[in-house]
Amino acid sequence: MGQEVRYRVRGGRPLNGTAFIQGAKNAVLPMIGAALLASKGRTVLRNVPIIQDVRRALELAEYIGAKVEFHEAERTIVIDASQLNDPERAVLPAEIAARFRGSVLFVPALMHRMGHARIEGVGGCNLGSRNLDFHYRGFARLGAEVTEDAERNHINVEAGNLKGGRLYLDTPSHTGTENLLMAAVLTPGTTVIEHAALEPEVLDVIEFLGRMGAKISGGGTGLITVEGVKELAAVEHTIMSDRIDAGVFAMMAAATGGDVSLVGANLDHLGVARWKMEQMGVQFAQQGAVLHVHRDPNTTLRPINAVTSPYPGFATDLQSPLMALATLADGESYIHEAIYDGRFALADELNKMGAKIEVDGTRAIVHGPTQLHGAEVVAHDLRSGAAVVLAGLAATGETVVSPGYPVDRGHSQFATRLTALGADVVREELD
């Protein structure tokens, strides 16, 4: 994990001014995996978020034999995967894989370029009962041999005799969809993926693969068809902006009664989250590639009901900051978390700050409005980390969020961007 990091937040200051929304975390990670499918040339990715998960992904890419340059000041990555030919390196080692759940996105490249992949100890965000079975079942339906070594906590994938087939997802997971797409693009014949994810990030990955020479149709319809091609070429691509980052900044502006312009944010990408915030009293205006967010500080936020569901439904990744925002609303808000059962650990942290939240299984009732006060709180995962920072911005006194590492996994230069809006947020590295 490297150094211990924590965030200190002193509340009571409305956010005003301009914030730059980072490139999409959930698009860049599969794109790094996809870049490894190109057997010649150098891939250039622009608008890359400067986050820990990207550094981990690049570390992994280098480990398996790609040449990687990360130009952070330009937010640009250059990847040369032409030399991926040492089968000894077709391993995703536990020490990297365990800290980076996205490592499963490298399996298609290893399978196609080196003939096999071994994944040791699979890790990442601790989110209850999600598992990666359906990725491996999908590879198996394309003809790969997937075996598990339970003793050593390894999974082996042998390419064997790959051919197109019909794949489906039990739930429309974006990572699952992207991974099966990457496995299918170089597999001979026609592959059909049913119940595929509809997220904008998936469409961005499809556009990127299409530029590389993949033949994919049906993106955004839930039924994707892939005609296998022999090889893919390296291309240049600018990553879309991160709608979760945009949603978090919009909710922070709402929590503090602020007025902010979010450069690169797209209102359409917020899905149902936009309507929930509008119901609460937040005003939006899309001005070209800038989203203006305003909440009159003299009005009280209204309570809402929200149920998380796959895109274009209410994003589970925005449920945590919405819960924090709901503590400020005048009345009872009802939240049903239908996707990840680990998300409600946040309620205890907000209650330490004076919130009144009751949790019953996958449902929560938020009794508002409450005056939040600063406290020492725990970031259980990336999204709850951002949510307690949001709560801290609206609270009296000082809130200390530790560990800060989960926040760094998903939001680039978080404290710097908030400070530019007038917030009092400090990111501290402890010895």
Protein backbone atom coordinates (compact mmCIF):
# COMPACT_ATOMS: atom_id res chain seq x y z
CA MET A 1 0.00 0.00 0.00
CA GLY A 2 2.98 2.33 0.44
CA GLN A 3 2.48 5.32 2.70
CA GLU A 4 -0.51 5.77 4.99
CA VAL A 5 -2.71 8.55 3.64
CA ARG A 6 -5.56 10.41 5.27
CA TYR A 7 -7.83 13.30 4.34
CA ARG A 8 -8.62 16.21 6.67
CA VAL A 9 -11.76 18.15 5.85
CA ARG A 10 -12.97 21.34 7.53
CA GLY A 11 -16.57 22.02 6.57
CA GLY A 12 -18.87 24.97 6.15
CA ARG A 13 -17.51 26.43 2.92
CA PRO A 14 -19.67 26.40 -0.23
CA LEU A 15 -17.93 25.11 -3.37
CA ASN A 16 -17.63 27.72 -6.11
CA GLY A 17 -15.70 27.84 -9.36
CA THR A 18 -14.50 25.35 -11.95
CA ALA A 19 -13.45 21.72 -11.56
CA PHE A 20 -11.98 19.48 -14.24
CA ILE A 21 -13.59 16.04 -14.37
CA GLN A 22 -11.02 13.27 -14.78
CA GLY A 23 -10.99 10.60 -17.49
CA ALA A 24 -13.13 7.56 -16.75
CA LYS A 25 -11.56 5.01 -14.42
CA ASN A 26 -13.92 2.31 -15.70
CA ALA A 27 -12.89 2.98 -19.33
CA VAL A 28 -9.12 3.37 -18.93
CA LEU A 29 -8.53 0.04 -17.14
CA PRO A 30 -10.13 -2.15 -19.85
CA MET A 31 -8.40 0.00 -22.49
CA ILE A 32 -5.00 -0.76 -20.98
CA GLY A 33 -5.96 -4.45 -21.19
CA ALA A 34 -7.17 -3.97 -24.79
CA ALA A 35 -3.96 -2.16 -25.80
CA LEU A 36 -2.09 -5.39 -24.99
CA LEU A 37 -4.02 -7.14 -27.79
CA ALA A 38 -2.19 -5.03 -30.43
CA SER A 39 0.70 -7.02 -31.85
CA LYS A 40 2.33 -4.02 -33.49
CA GLY A 41 2.60 -0.28 -33.03
CA ARG A 42 2.22 1.89 -29.93
CA THR A 43 -1.11 2.75 -28.34
CA VAL A 44 -1.61 6.33 -27.12
CA LEU A 45 -4.33 6.95 -24.51
CA ARG A 46 -5.17 10.54 -23.59
CA ASN A 47 -7.20 12.08 -20.72
CA VAL A 48 -5.96 9.35 -18.36
CA PRO A 49 -6.97 9.77 -14.69
CA ILE A 50 -3.91 9.92 -12.41
CA ILE A 51 -5.12 7.28 -9.94
CA GLN A 52 -3.63 4.30 -8.13
CA ASP A 53 -5.55 1.73 -10.17
CA VAL A 54 -3.97 3.07 -13.37
CA ARG A 55 -0.47 2.83 -11.86
CA ARG A 56 -1.20 -0.75 -10.79
CA ALA A 57 -2.51 -1.66 -14.24
CA LEU A 58 0.64 -0.26 -15.87
CA GLU A 59 2.84 -2.10 -13.37
CA LEU A 60 1.07 -5.30 -14.40
CA ALA A 61 1.42 -4.48 -18.12
CA GLU A 62 5.17 -4.00 -17.65
CA TYR A 63 5.42 -7.21 -15.66
CA ILE A 64 4.01 -9.24 -18.54
CA GLY A 65 6.38 -7.63 -21.04
CA ALA A 66 4.80 -4.44 -22.42
CA LYS A 67 6.79 -1.21 -22.69
CA VAL A 68 4.89 1.51 -20.87
CA GLU A 69 5.31 5.28 -20.56
CA PHE A 70 3.04 7.29 -18.28
CA HIS A 71 3.36 11.01 -18.97
CA GLU A 72 1.43 12.26 -15.93
CA ALA A 73 1.67 15.99 -16.70
CA GLU A 74 0.07 15.30 -20.10
CA ARG A 75 -2.29 12.67 -18.65
CA THR A 76 -1.15 10.38 -21.47
CA ILE A 77 -0.09 6.73 -21.60
CA VAL A 78 1.96 5.14 -24.39
CA ILE A 79 1.89 1.32 -24.54
CA ASP A 80 4.00 -0.86 -26.83
CA ALA A 81 2.80 -4.46 -26.57
CA SER A 82 4.63 -5.80 -29.63
CA GLN A 83 7.01 -7.90 -27.50
CA LEU A 84 4.41 -9.89 -25.54
CA ASN A 85 5.87 -13.27 -26.40
CA ASP A 86 7.50 -14.74 -23.29
CA PRO A 87 5.07 -17.43 -22.02
CA GLU A 88 6.96 -17.46 -18.70
CA ARG A 89 5.51 -14.00 -18.06
CA ALA A 90 1.90 -14.97 -18.73
CA VAL A 91 1.22 -14.68 -14.99
CA LEU A 92 -0.73 -12.11 -13.02
CA PRO A 93 1.20 -12.31 -9.74
CA ALA A 94 -0.67 -12.25 -6.44
CA GLU A 95 1.18 -9.23 -5.03
CA ILE A 96 -0.09 -7.01 -7.86
CA ALA A 97 -3.34 -8.83 -8.68
CA ALA A 98 -4.49 -8.82 -5.04
CA ARG A 99 -4.30 -5.01 -4.88
CA PHE A 100 -5.99 -4.52 -8.20
CA ARG A 101 -9.26 -6.26 -9.02
CA GLY A 102 -9.08 -5.05 -12.63
CA SER A 103 -6.22 -7.50 -13.24
CA VAL A 104 -8.80 -9.95 -14.64
CA LEU A 105 -9.01 -7.57 -17.64
CA PHE A 106 -5.52 -8.74 -18.69
CA VAL A 107 -6.56 -12.37 -19.17
CA PRO A 108 -7.80 -11.99 -22.81
CA ALA A 109 -4.46 -10.44 -23.89
CA LEU A 110 -2.43 -13.19 -22.20
CA MET A 111 -4.70 -15.85 -23.66
CA HIS A 112 -4.48 -14.50 -27.22
CA ARG A 113 -0.87 -13.32 -27.24
CA MET A 114 0.80 -16.03 -25.14
CA GLY A 115 -1.62 -18.92 -25.33
CA HIS A 116 -2.33 -19.10 -21.62
CA ALA A 117 -2.76 -17.09 -18.41
CA ARG A 118 -2.32 -17.81 -14.75
CA ILE A 119 -4.05 -15.61 -12.19
CA GLU A 120 -2.80 -15.81 -8.63
CA GLY A 121 -4.99 -14.54 -5.73
CA VAL A 122 -7.67 -12.22 -7.16
CA GLY A 123 -8.36 -9.07 -5.11
CA GLY A 124 -9.58 -5.45 -5.19
CA CYS A 125 -12.51 -3.67 -3.54
CA ASN A 126 -14.11 -5.63 -0.74
CA LEU A 127 -17.70 -5.53 -1.93
CA GLY A 128 -19.57 -8.51 -0.60
CA SER A 129 -20.56 -11.32 -2.89
CA ARG A 130 -19.30 -10.27 -6.34
CA ASN A 131 -17.12 -12.88 -7.91
CA LEU A 132 -15.44 -13.44 -11.21
CA ASP A 133 -16.88 -16.83 -12.13
CA PHE A 134 -18.77 -15.54 -15.13
CA HIS A 135 -15.58 -14.16 -16.71
CA TYR A 136 -13.99 -17.59 -16.62
CA ARG A 137 -17.19 -19.36 -17.69
CA GLY A 138 -17.31 -17.01 -20.68
CA PHE A 139 -13.71 -17.80 -21.65
CA ALA A 140 -14.57 -21.50 -21.33
CA ARG A 141 -17.57 -21.12 -23.67
CA LEU A 142 -15.19 -19.72 -26.31
CA GLY A 143 -13.18 -22.94 -26.02
CA ALA A 144 -10.54 -22.00 -23.43
CA GLU A 145 -9.66 -24.55 -20.76
CA VAL A 146 -10.13 -23.02 -17.33
CA THR A 147 -8.84 -24.91 -14.29
CA GLU A 148 -8.63 -23.87 -10.68
CA ASP A 149 -5.87 -24.76 -8.26
CA ALA A 150 -7.75 -24.10 -5.01
CA GLU A 151 -4.76 -25.00 -2.84
CA ARG A 152 -2.55 -22.33 -4.37
CA ASN A 153 -5.42 -19.92 -5.08
CA HIS A 154 -4.53 -19.93 -8.80
CA ILE A 155 -6.69 -19.99 -11.89
CA ASN A 156 -5.21 -21.26 -15.17
CA VAL A 157 -6.64 -20.36 -18.57
CA GLU A 158 -5.35 -22.24 -21.66
CA ALA A 159 -6.34 -20.81 -25.04
CA GLY A 160 -6.65 -24.24 -26.65
CA ASN A 161 -8.93 -24.19 -29.67
CA LEU A 162 -10.88 -20.93 -29.49
CA LYS A 163 -13.98 -20.35 -31.59
CA GLY A 164 -16.91 -17.94 -31.46
CA GLY A 165 -19.93 -18.82 -29.38
CA ARG A 166 -22.96 -17.48 -27.53
CA LEU A 167 -22.09 -15.81 -24.24
CA TYR A 168 -24.38 -14.28 -21.66
CA LEU A 169 -24.04 -12.38 -18.41
CA ASP A 170 -26.21 -13.17 -15.38
CA THR A 171 -26.00 -9.49 -14.46
CA PRO A 172 -24.95 -6.82 -16.99
CA SER A 173 -21.55 -6.12 -15.43
CA HIS A 174 -19.41 -3.59 -17.30
CA THR A 175 -16.15 -5.40 -16.43
CA GLY A 176 -17.66 -8.71 -17.51
CA THR A 177 -18.92 -7.26 -20.79
CA GLU A 178 -15.58 -5.59 -21.57
CA ASN A 179 -13.64 -8.73 -20.72
CA LEU A 180 -15.78 -11.02 -22.87
CA LEU A 181 -15.54 -8.46 -25.70
CA MET A 182 -11.73 -8.51 -25.49
CA ALA A 183 -11.75 -12.30 -25.49
CA ALA A 184 -14.11 -12.38 -28.50
CA VAL A 185 -12.45 -9.83 -30.84
CA LEU A 186 -9.51 -12.12 -31.73
CA THR A 187 -11.49 -15.39 -31.51
CA PRO A 188 -12.31 -16.87 -34.96
CA GLY A 189 -16.00 -16.87 -35.93
CA THR A 190 -19.00 -14.99 -34.56
CA THR A 191 -19.56 -14.37 -30.85
CA VAL A 192 -22.82 -13.05 -29.44
CA ILE A 193 -22.90 -11.54 -25.92
CA GLU A 194 -26.38 -11.37 -24.39
CA HIS A 195 -27.48 -9.20 -21.45
CA ALA A 196 -24.43 -7.00 -22.00
CA ALA A 197 -23.83 -3.81 -19.98
CA LEU A 198 -25.08 -0.50 -21.42
CA GLU A 199 -22.67 1.86 -19.62
CA PRO A 200 -21.14 4.74 -21.59
CA GLU A 201 -17.70 3.36 -20.61
CA VAL A 202 -18.50 0.08 -22.39
CA LEU A 203 -19.36 2.07 -25.54
CA ASP A 204 -16.06 3.95 -25.23
CA VAL A 205 -14.17 0.64 -25.01
CA ILE A 206 -16.10 -0.65 -28.06
CA GLU A 207 -15.16 2.50 -29.97
CA PHE A 208 -11.49 2.01 -29.01
CA LEU A 209 -11.51 -1.67 -30.07
CA GLY A 210 -13.27 -0.69 -33.31
CA ARG A 211 -10.49 1.77 -34.14
CA MET A 212 -7.99 -1.03 -33.50
CA GLY A 213 -9.75 -3.09 -36.18
CA ALA A 214 -12.26 -5.14 -34.17
CA LYS A 215 -15.69 -5.83 -35.72
CA ILE A 216 -18.31 -5.18 -33.04
CA SER A 217 -21.97 -4.26 -33.47
CA GLY A 218 -24.88 -3.74 -31.08
CA GLY A 219 -23.07 -1.73 -28.37
CA GLY A 220 -25.63 -0.09 -26.08
CA THR A 221 -28.44 -2.51 -27.04
CA GLY A 222 -27.66 -5.31 -24.58
CA LEU A 223 -27.00 -7.75 -27.45
CA ILE A 224 -23.49 -7.41 -28.85
CA THR A 225 -22.19 -9.30 -31.91
CA VAL A 226 -18.46 -9.71 -32.56
CA GLU A 227 -16.89 -11.02 -35.77
CA GLY A 228 -13.41 -12.29 -34.89
CA VAL A 229 -10.44 -10.70 -36.70
CA LYS A 230 -6.87 -11.97 -37.09
CA GLU A 231 -5.05 -9.03 -35.50
CA LEU A 232 -5.52 -5.59 -33.97
CA ALA A 233 -3.38 -2.50 -34.50
CA ALA A 234 -2.33 0.17 -32.01
CA VAL A 235 -4.26 3.48 -32.22
CA GLU A 236 -4.70 6.78 -30.40
CA HIS A 237 -7.79 7.42 -28.27
CA THR A 238 -9.05 10.09 -25.85
CA ILE A 239 -10.84 8.57 -22.87
CA MET A 240 -14.33 9.84 -22.02
CA SER A 241 -14.83 11.74 -18.77
CA ASP A 242 -15.69 9.93 -15.53
CA ARG A 243 -19.42 10.20 -14.79
CA ILE A 244 -18.97 8.98 -11.19
CA ASP A 245 -16.33 11.67 -10.55
CA ALA A 246 -18.78 14.18 -12.09
CA GLY A 247 -21.65 12.90 -9.93
CA VAL A 248 -19.56 13.16 -6.75
CA PHE A 249 -18.54 16.76 -7.52
CA ALA A 250 -22.15 17.66 -8.35
CA MET A 251 -23.33 16.19 -5.03
CA MET A 252 -20.57 18.03 -3.16
CA ALA A 253 -21.70 21.30 -4.73
CA ALA A 254 -25.27 20.42 -3.67
CA ALA A 255 -24.22 19.54 -0.11
CA THR A 256 -22.47 22.88 0.41
CA GLY A 257 -25.00 25.11 -1.40
CA GLY A 258 -22.43 25.83 -4.08
CA ASP A 259 -22.21 26.87 -7.70
CA VAL A 260 -19.72 24.97 -9.84
CA SER A 261 -18.82 24.37 -13.48
CA LEU A 262 -17.65 20.83 -14.23
CA VAL A 263 -15.46 20.75 -17.34
CA GLY A 264 -15.96 17.59 -19.41
CA ALA A 265 -19.01 16.36 -17.46
CA ASN A 266 -21.96 15.05 -19.47
CA LEU A 267 -25.42 15.31 -17.90
CA ASP A 268 -26.76 12.43 -20.02
CA HIS A 269 -24.15 10.08 -18.53
CA LEU A 270 -25.46 10.60 -15.00
CA GLY A 271 -28.57 8.52 -15.78
CA VAL A 272 -31.13 8.45 -12.97
CA ALA A 273 -28.69 10.19 -10.57
CA ARG A 274 -29.45 13.43 -12.42
CA TRP A 275 -33.20 13.15 -11.73
CA LYS A 276 -32.63 12.24 -8.08
CA MET A 277 -30.48 15.34 -7.59
CA GLU A 278 -33.05 17.48 -9.43
CA GLN A 279 -35.80 16.10 -7.15
CA MET A 280 -33.66 17.15 -4.19
CA GLY A 281 -33.43 20.71 -5.51
CA VAL A 282 -30.17 20.74 -7.48
CA GLN A 283 -30.16 22.74 -10.73
CA PHE A 284 -28.22 21.62 -13.82
CA ALA A 285 -27.42 23.37 -17.10
CA GLN A 286 -25.34 21.65 -19.80
CA GLN A 287 -23.33 24.29 -21.67
CA GLY A 288 -21.49 22.38 -24.40
CA ALA A 289 -18.81 20.28 -22.71
CA VAL A 290 -19.29 22.05 -19.36
CA LEU A 291 -21.95 21.11 -16.82
CA HIS A 292 -23.11 23.89 -14.53
CA VAL A 293 -24.39 22.75 -11.10
CA HIS A 294 -26.13 25.07 -8.65
CA ARG A 295 -27.99 24.76 -5.38
CA ASP A 296 -29.53 27.78 -3.70
CA PRO A 297 -28.01 27.79 -0.18
CA ASN A 298 -31.22 29.33 1.19
CA THR A 299 -33.30 26.28 0.30
CA THR A 300 -33.43 22.93 2.09
CA LEU A 301 -32.78 19.78 0.09
CA ARG A 302 -35.81 17.53 -0.42
CA PRO A 303 -35.73 13.81 0.53
CA ILE A 304 -35.71 11.08 -2.15
CA ASN A 305 -36.22 7.37 -2.75
CA ALA A 306 -33.50 5.62 -4.72
CA VAL A 307 -32.95 2.04 -5.90
CA THR A 308 -29.60 1.16 -7.45
CA SER A 309 -29.66 -0.68 -10.74
CA PRO A 310 -27.40 -1.15 -13.76
CA TYR A 311 -27.02 1.74 -16.22
CA PRO A 312 -29.05 3.76 -17.12
CA GLY A 313 -30.50 3.21 -13.63
CA PHE A 314 -29.20 4.84 -10.45
CA ALA A 315 -25.49 3.99 -10.26
CA THR A 316 -24.44 1.92 -7.24
CA ASP A 317 -21.17 3.90 -7.29
CA LEU A 318 -23.16 7.08 -6.53
CA GLN A 319 -25.29 5.52 -3.80
CA SER A 320 -22.75 6.30 -1.05
CA PRO A 321 -22.46 10.05 -1.78
CA LEU A 322 -26.26 10.20 -2.25
CA MET A 323 -26.72 8.72 1.24
CA ALA A 324 -24.41 11.40 2.64
CA LEU A 325 -26.34 14.10 0.77
CA ALA A 326 -29.68 12.70 2.02
CA THR A 327 -28.64 13.36 5.65
CA LEU A 328 -29.08 17.07 4.81
CA ALA A 329 -32.54 16.66 3.24
CA ASP A 330 -35.71 17.69 5.06
CA GLY A 331 -37.50 14.37 5.71
CA GLU A 332 -36.96 10.65 5.33
CA SER A 333 -35.06 9.26 2.35
CA TYR A 334 -35.27 5.59 1.41
CA ILE A 335 -32.35 3.86 -0.29
CA HIS A 336 -32.37 0.29 -1.58
CA GLU A 337 -28.95 -1.09 -2.55
CA ALA A 338 -29.78 -3.85 -5.04
CA ILE A 339 -26.29 -4.49 -6.41
CA TYR A 340 -23.47 -4.63 -3.83
CA ASP A 341 -24.32 -5.75 -0.34
CA GLY A 342 -21.15 -4.25 1.18
CA ARG A 343 -22.04 -0.61 0.55
CA PHE A 344 -23.93 0.17 3.79
CA ALA A 345 -20.85 0.13 6.04
CA LEU A 346 -20.99 3.86 5.30
CA ALA A 347 -24.10 4.34 7.50
CA ASP A 348 -22.12 3.76 10.72
CA GLU A 349 -19.52 6.33 9.67
CA LEU A 350 -22.16 8.96 8.88
CA ASN A 351 -23.92 8.21 12.18
CA LYS A 352 -20.63 9.02 13.97
CA MET A 353 -21.00 12.46 12.39
CA GLY A 354 -24.52 12.94 13.76
CA ALA A 355 -26.61 11.39 10.96
CA LYS A 356 -29.62 9.21 11.78
CA ILE A 357 -29.54 6.29 9.38
CA GLU A 358 -31.24 2.93 9.98
CA VAL A 359 -30.09 -0.04 7.94
CA ASP A 360 -32.12 -3.20 7.44
CA GLY A 361 -30.36 -5.61 5.10
CA THR A 362 -30.17 -3.94 1.68
CA ARG A 363 -32.45 -1.03 2.65
CA ALA A 364 -31.65 2.16 4.51
CA ILE A 365 -33.78 4.96 5.89
CA VAL A 366 -32.04 8.32 6.25
CA HIS A 367 -33.78 10.65 8.72
CA GLY A 368 -33.01 14.25 7.85
CA PRO A 369 -32.17 16.96 8.13
CA THR A 370 -29.25 16.57 10.52
CA GLN A 371 -26.46 18.97 11.34
CA LEU A 372 -23.35 16.90 10.68
CA HIS A 373 -20.32 17.47 12.86
CA GLY A 374 -16.69 16.53 12.24
CA ALA A 375 -15.43 13.14 13.46
CA GLU A 376 -12.79 10.52 12.78
CA VAL A 377 -14.26 8.22 10.15
CA VAL A 378 -13.16 5.20 8.12
CA ALA A 379 -13.16 4.93 4.31
CA HIS A 380 -14.29 1.32 3.84
CA ASP A 381 -13.94 1.53 0.06
CA LEU A 382 -13.49 4.11 -2.68
CA ARG A 383 -17.11 5.28 -2.83
CA SER A 384 -17.69 5.50 0.92
CA GLY A 385 -14.40 7.42 1.15
CA ALA A 386 -15.68 10.06 -1.27
CA ALA A 387 -19.00 10.11 0.63
CA VAL A 388 -17.43 10.88 4.02
CA VAL A 389 -15.36 13.66 2.41
CA LEU A 390 -18.68 15.04 1.08
CA ALA A 391 -20.20 14.80 4.56
CA GLY A 392 -17.14 16.55 5.98
CA LEU A 393 -17.61 19.47 3.56
CA ALA A 394 -21.13 19.99 4.92
CA ALA A 395 -20.23 19.39 8.60
CA THR A 396 -19.12 21.75 11.33
CA GLY A 397 -15.58 21.27 12.59
CA GLU A 398 -12.98 18.87 11.26
CA THR A 399 -13.47 15.43 9.74
CA VAL A 400 -10.52 13.05 9.44
CA VAL A 401 -10.92 10.30 6.83
CA SER A 402 -8.57 7.35 7.00
CA PRO A 403 -7.30 5.39 5.26
CA GLY A 404 -7.20 7.84 2.35
CA TYR A 405 -5.90 5.19 -0.02
CA PRO A 406 -9.36 3.98 -1.20
CA VAL A 407 -10.20 7.55 -2.31
CA ASP A 408 -6.94 7.76 -4.30
CA ARG A 409 -7.93 4.55 -6.09
CA GLY A 410 -10.70 6.34 -7.92
CA HIS A 411 -10.36 10.14 -7.76
CA SER A 412 -7.33 11.86 -9.16
CA GLN A 413 -5.89 14.88 -7.32
CA PHE A 414 -9.06 14.98 -5.22
CA ALA A 415 -7.88 17.43 -2.53
CA THR A 416 -6.28 19.73 -5.12
CA ARG A 417 -9.43 19.95 -7.20
CA LEU A 418 -11.63 20.55 -4.14
CA THR A 419 -9.27 23.23 -2.81
CA ALA A 420 -9.56 25.04 -6.16
CA LEU A 421 -13.33 25.24 -5.47
CA GLY A 422 -12.73 26.86 -2.07
CA ALA A 423 -12.97 23.73 0.09
CA ASP A 424 -10.64 23.18 3.04
CA VAL A 425 -9.39 19.66 2.26
CA VAL A 426 -5.87 18.42 2.94
CA ARG A 427 -4.40 15.09 1.86
CA GLU A 428 -1.77 14.04 4.40
CA GLU A 429 0.88 11.37 3.95
CA LEU A 430 1.89 9.91 7.30
CA ASP A 431 5.29 8.44 8.03
